[in-house]
Structure formats: structure tokens, C-alpha cells
PDB file of N, CA and C in Angstrom:
ATOM      1  N   MET A   1     -15.761  -1.075  10.573  1.00  0.00           N
ATOM      2  CA  MET A   1     -14.822  -0.047  10.142  1.00  0.00           C
ATOM      3  C   MET A   1     -14.391  -0.297   8.700  1.00  0.00           C
ATOM      4  N   LEU A   2     -14.111   0.767   7.999  1.00  0.00           N
ATOM      5  CA  LEU A   2     -13.761   0.656   6.582  1.00  0.00           C
ATOM      6  C   LEU A   2     -12.554  -0.252   6.385  1.00  0.00           C
ATOM      7  N   TRP A   3     -11.538  -0.084   7.258  1.00  0.00           N
ATOM      8  CA  TRP A   3     -10.306  -0.864   7.087  1.00  0.00           C
ATOM      9  C   TRP A   3     -10.590  -2.350   7.135  1.00  0.00           C
ATOM     10  N   ASN A   4     -11.373  -2.796   8.148  1.00  0.00           N
ATOM     11  CA  ASN A   4     -11.662  -4.220   8.287  1.00  0.00           C
ATOM     12  C   ASN A   4     -12.404  -4.731   7.064  1.00  0.00           C
ATOM     13  N   ARG A   5     -13.371  -3.954   6.598  1.00  0.00           N
ATOM     14  CA  ARG A   5     -14.124  -4.390   5.423  1.00  0.00           C
ATOM     15  C   ARG A   5     -13.186  -4.516   4.230  1.00  0.00           C
ATOM     16  N   THR A   6     -12.279  -3.564   4.094  1.00  0.00           N
ATOM     17  CA  THR A   6     -11.348  -3.603   2.965  1.00  0.00           C
ATOM     18  C   THR A   6     -10.482  -4.845   3.036  1.00  0.00           C
ATOM     19  N   VAL A   7      -9.966  -5.128   4.223  1.00  0.00           N
ATOM     20  CA  VAL A   7      -9.087  -6.291   4.384  1.00  0.00           C
ATOM     21  C   VAL A   7      -9.850  -7.560   4.059  1.00  0.00           C
ATOM     22  N   LYS A   8     -11.065  -7.677   4.561  1.00  0.00           N
ATOM     23  CA  LYS A   8     -11.855  -8.887   4.282  1.00  0.00           C
ATOM     24  C   LYS A   8     -12.124  -9.004   2.798  1.00  0.00           C
ATOM     25  N   LYS A   9     -12.489  -7.884   2.182  1.00  0.00           N
ATOM     26  CA  LYS A   9     -12.844  -7.884   0.767  1.00  0.00           C
ATOM     27  C   LYS A   9     -11.674  -8.405  -0.062  1.00  0.00           C
ATOM     28  N   TYR A  10     -10.480  -7.986   0.282  1.00  0.00           N
ATOM     29  CA  TYR A  10      -9.329  -8.360  -0.531  1.00  0.00           C
ATOM     30  C   TYR A  10      -8.580  -9.560   0.006  1.00  0.00           C
ATOM     31  N   GLY A  11      -9.074 -10.102   1.120  1.00  0.00           N
ATOM     32  CA  GLY A  11      -8.460 -11.329   1.616  1.00  0.00           C
ATOM     33  C   GLY A  11      -7.141 -11.099   2.332  1.00  0.00           C
ATOM     34  N   ASN A  12      -6.206 -11.980   2.055  1.00  0.00           N
ATOM     35  CA  ASN A  12      -4.908 -11.964   2.740  1.00  0.00           C
ATOM     36  C   ASN A  12      -4.271 -10.587   2.676  1.00  0.00           C
ATOM     37  N   ARG A  13      -4.177  -9.927   3.816  1.00  0.00           N
ATOM     38  CA  ARG A  13      -3.710  -8.540   3.799  1.00  0.00           C
ATOM     39  C   ARG A  13      -2.205  -8.461   3.596  1.00  0.00           C
ATOM     40  N   LYS A  14      -1.490  -9.567   3.849  1.00  0.00           N
ATOM     41  CA  LYS A  14      -0.044  -9.536   3.600  1.00  0.00           C
ATOM     42  C   LYS A  14       0.218  -9.623   2.109  1.00  0.00           C
ATOM     43  N   LYS A  15      -0.535 -10.499   1.439  1.00  0.00           N
ATOM     44  CA  LYS A  15      -0.274 -10.751   0.017  1.00  0.00           C
ATOM     45  C   LYS A  15      -0.744  -9.579  -0.814  1.00  0.00           C
ATOM     46  N   LEU A  16      -1.959  -9.117  -0.537  1.00  0.00           N
ATOM     47  CA  LEU A  16      -2.501  -8.018  -1.348  1.00  0.00           C
ATOM     48  C   LEU A  16      -1.673  -6.780  -1.091  1.00  0.00           C
ATOM     49  N   SER A  17      -0.815  -6.474  -2.015  1.00  0.00           N
ATOM     50  CA  SER A  17       0.132  -5.386  -1.826  1.00  0.00           C
ATOM     51  C   SER A  17      -0.410  -4.309  -0.910  1.00  0.00           C
ATOM     52  N   VAL A  18       0.395  -3.981   0.068  1.00  0.00           N
ATOM     53  CA  VAL A  18       0.003  -2.929   1.009  1.00  0.00           C
ATOM     54  C   VAL A  18      -0.257  -1.642   0.246  1.00  0.00           C
ATOM     55  N   SER A  19       0.471  -1.444  -0.834  1.00  0.00           N
ATOM     56  CA  SER A  19       0.312  -0.200  -1.587  1.00  0.00           C
ATOM     57  C   SER A  19      -1.114  -0.057  -2.104  1.00  0.00           C
ATOM     58  N   LYS A  20      -1.723  -1.181  -2.504  1.00  0.00           N
ATOM     59  CA  LYS A  20      -3.096  -1.103  -3.007  1.00  0.00           C
ATOM     60  C   LYS A  20      -4.031  -0.659  -1.894  1.00  0.00           C
ATOM     61  N   LEU A  21      -3.878  -1.282  -0.723  1.00  0.00           N
ATOM     62  CA  LEU A  21      -4.710  -0.880   0.424  1.00  0.00           C
ATOM     63  C   LEU A  21      -4.431   0.578   0.755  1.00  0.00           C
ATOM     64  N   ALA A  22      -3.162   0.932   0.770  1.00  0.00           N
ATOM     65  CA  ALA A  22      -2.794   2.300   1.128  1.00  0.00           C
ATOM     66  C   ALA A  22      -3.434   3.286   0.166  1.00  0.00           C
ATOM     67  N   SER A  23      -3.403   2.966  -1.119  1.00  0.00           N
ATOM     68  CA  SER A  23      -3.975   3.897  -2.093  1.00  0.00           C
ATOM     69  C   SER A  23      -5.471   4.046  -1.865  1.00  0.00           C
ATOM     70  N   LEU A  24      -6.142   2.924  -1.524  1.00  0.00           N
ATOM     71  CA  LEU A  24      -7.579   3.007  -1.236  1.00  0.00           C
ATOM     72  C   LEU A  24      -7.818   3.944  -0.066  1.00  0.00           C
ATOM     73  N   ILE A  25      -7.042   3.755   0.996  1.00  0.00           N
ATOM     74  CA  ILE A  25      -7.276   4.548   2.202  1.00  0.00           C
ATOM     75  C   ILE A  25      -6.838   5.991   1.975  1.00  0.00           C
ATOM     76  N   CYS A  26      -5.755   6.158   1.227  1.00  0.00           N
ATOM     77  CA  CYS A  26      -5.282   7.515   0.925  1.00  0.00           C
ATOM     78  C   CYS A  26      -6.402   8.302   0.280  1.00  0.00           C
ATOM     79  N   ARG A  27      -7.099   7.652  -0.661  1.00  0.00           N
ATOM     80  CA  ARG A  27      -8.123   8.372  -1.394  1.00  0.00           C
ATOM     81  C   ARG A  27      -9.192   8.917  -0.466  1.00  0.00           C
ATOM     82  N   ARG A  28      -9.405   8.254   0.674  1.00  0.00           N
ATOM     83  CA  ARG A  28     -10.476   8.746   1.533  1.00  0.00           C
ATOM     84  C   ARG A  28      -9.931   9.368   2.798  1.00  0.00           C
ATOM     85  N   GLY A  29      -9.169  10.456   2.680  1.00  0.00           N
ATOM     86  CA  GLY A  29      -8.850  11.196   3.901  1.00  0.00           C
ATOM     87  C   GLY A  29      -7.384  11.481   4.130  1.00  0.00           C
ATOM     88  N   ILE A  30      -6.583  10.418   4.109  1.00  0.00           N
ATOM     89  CA  ILE A  30      -5.168  10.635   4.413  1.00  0.00           C
ATOM     90  C   ILE A  30      -4.580  11.596   3.387  1.00  0.00           C
ATOM     91  N   MET A  31      -5.034  11.474   2.145  1.00  0.00           N
ATOM     92  CA  MET A  31      -4.489  12.311   1.090  1.00  0.00           C
ATOM     93  C   MET A  31      -4.765  13.773   1.394  1.00  0.00           C
ATOM     94  N   SER A  32      -5.975  14.082   1.834  1.00  0.00           N
ATOM     95  CA  SER A  32      -6.297  15.486   2.115  1.00  0.00           C
ATOM     96  C   SER A  32      -5.416  16.006   3.241  1.00  0.00           C
ATOM     97  N   GLN A  33      -5.167  15.172   4.253  1.00  0.00           N
ATOM     98  CA  GLN A  33      -4.281  15.589   5.344  1.00  0.00           C
ATOM     99  C   GLN A  33      -2.891  15.870   4.789  1.00  0.00           C
ATOM    100  N   PHE A  34      -2.420  14.980   3.941  1.00  0.00           N
ATOM    101  CA  PHE A  34      -1.090  15.129   3.353  1.00  0.00           C
ATOM    102  C   PHE A  34      -1.011  16.432   2.561  1.00  0.00           C
ATOM    103  N   GLN A  35      -2.040  16.698   1.754  1.00  0.00           N
ATOM    104  CA  GLN A  35      -2.042  17.917   0.947  1.00  0.00           C
ATOM    105  C   GLN A  35      -2.030  19.146   1.840  1.00  0.00           C
ATOM    106  N   ASN A  36      -2.795  19.094   2.931  1.00  0.00           N
ATOM    107  CA  ASN A  36      -2.805  20.228   3.856  1.00  0.00           C
ATOM    108  C   ASN A  36      -1.406  20.470   4.405  1.00  0.00           C
ATOM    109  N   THR A  37      -0.725  19.387   4.772  1.00  0.00           N
ATOM    110  CA  THR A  37       0.623  19.519   5.328  1.00  0.00           C
ATOM    111  C   THR A  37       1.560  20.130   4.296  1.00  0.00           C
ATOM    112  N   VAL A  38       1.492  19.622   3.076  1.00  0.00           N
ATOM    113  CA  VAL A  38       2.375  20.135   2.019  1.00  0.00           C
ATOM    114  C   VAL A  38       2.083  21.606   1.788  1.00  0.00           C
ATOM    115  N   PHE A  39       0.802  21.938   1.755  1.00  0.00           N
ATOM    116  CA  PHE A  39       0.410  23.325   1.514  1.00  0.00           C
ATOM    117  C   PHE A  39       0.980  24.232   2.600  1.00  0.00           C
ATOM    118  N   LYS A  40       0.852  23.794   3.856  1.00  0.00           N
ATOM    119  CA  LYS A  40       1.377  24.592   4.969  1.00  0.00           C
ATOM    120  C   LYS A  40       2.886  24.750   4.833  1.00  0.00           C
ATOM    121  N   ASN A  41       3.564  23.657   4.472  1.00  0.00           N
ATOM    122  CA  ASN A  41       5.023  23.726   4.346  1.00  0.00           C
ATOM    123  C   ASN A  41       5.413  24.691   3.230  1.00  0.00           C
ATOM    124  N   GLU A  42       4.622  24.722   2.163  1.00  0.00           N
ATOM    125  CA  GLU A  42       4.952  25.621   1.059  1.00  0.00           C
ATOM    126  C   GLU A  42       4.735  27.068   1.478  1.00  0.00           C
ATOM    127  N   MET A  43       3.694  27.297   2.281  1.00  0.00           N
ATOM    128  CA  MET A  43       3.408  28.655   2.726  1.00  0.00           C
ATOM    129  C   MET A  43       4.452  29.113   3.748  1.00  0.00           C
ATOM    130  N   ASN A  44       4.976  28.176   4.549  1.00  0.00           N
ATOM    131  CA  ASN A  44       5.973  28.521   5.578  1.00  0.00           C
ATOM    132  C   ASN A  44       7.260  27.728   5.349  1.00  0.00           C
ATOM    133  N   PRO A  45       8.040  28.093   4.353  1.00  0.00           N
ATOM    134  CA  PRO A  45       9.271  27.323   4.095  1.00  0.00           C
ATOM    135  C   PRO A  45      10.214  27.410   5.286  1.00  0.00           C
ATOM    136  N   LYS A  46      10.960  26.320   5.493  1.00  0.00           N
ATOM    137  CA  LYS A  46      11.847  26.306   6.668  1.00  0.00           C
ATOM    138  C   LYS A  46      13.184  26.951   6.317  1.00  0.00           C
TER     139      LYS A  46
END
């Protein structure tokens, strides 16, 4: 799995800022989900 490979590549997952890992993972998928959510919220304001 991509996550395991990423963790191994960067070693200690506690030390290697979570934000760096998060940004890597965001770039491949989570970001698109987030954008979709924001887009929907903008189209349907509460």
C-alpha cells in the first residue's frame, strides 16, 4: 500500500512531520475529495 511505502521511505513516522505525510497523501486523492465537498457546499450554502 502507498501509505506503508511512504512511511518506510521516510522512516520514523512520528518524527517526520505528519503534515509532510499528509501533504503527500492529500496530493493523491484526499484533496480532490475535499475540493468536491467545498464545491458542493458553495453550490448549496447552508
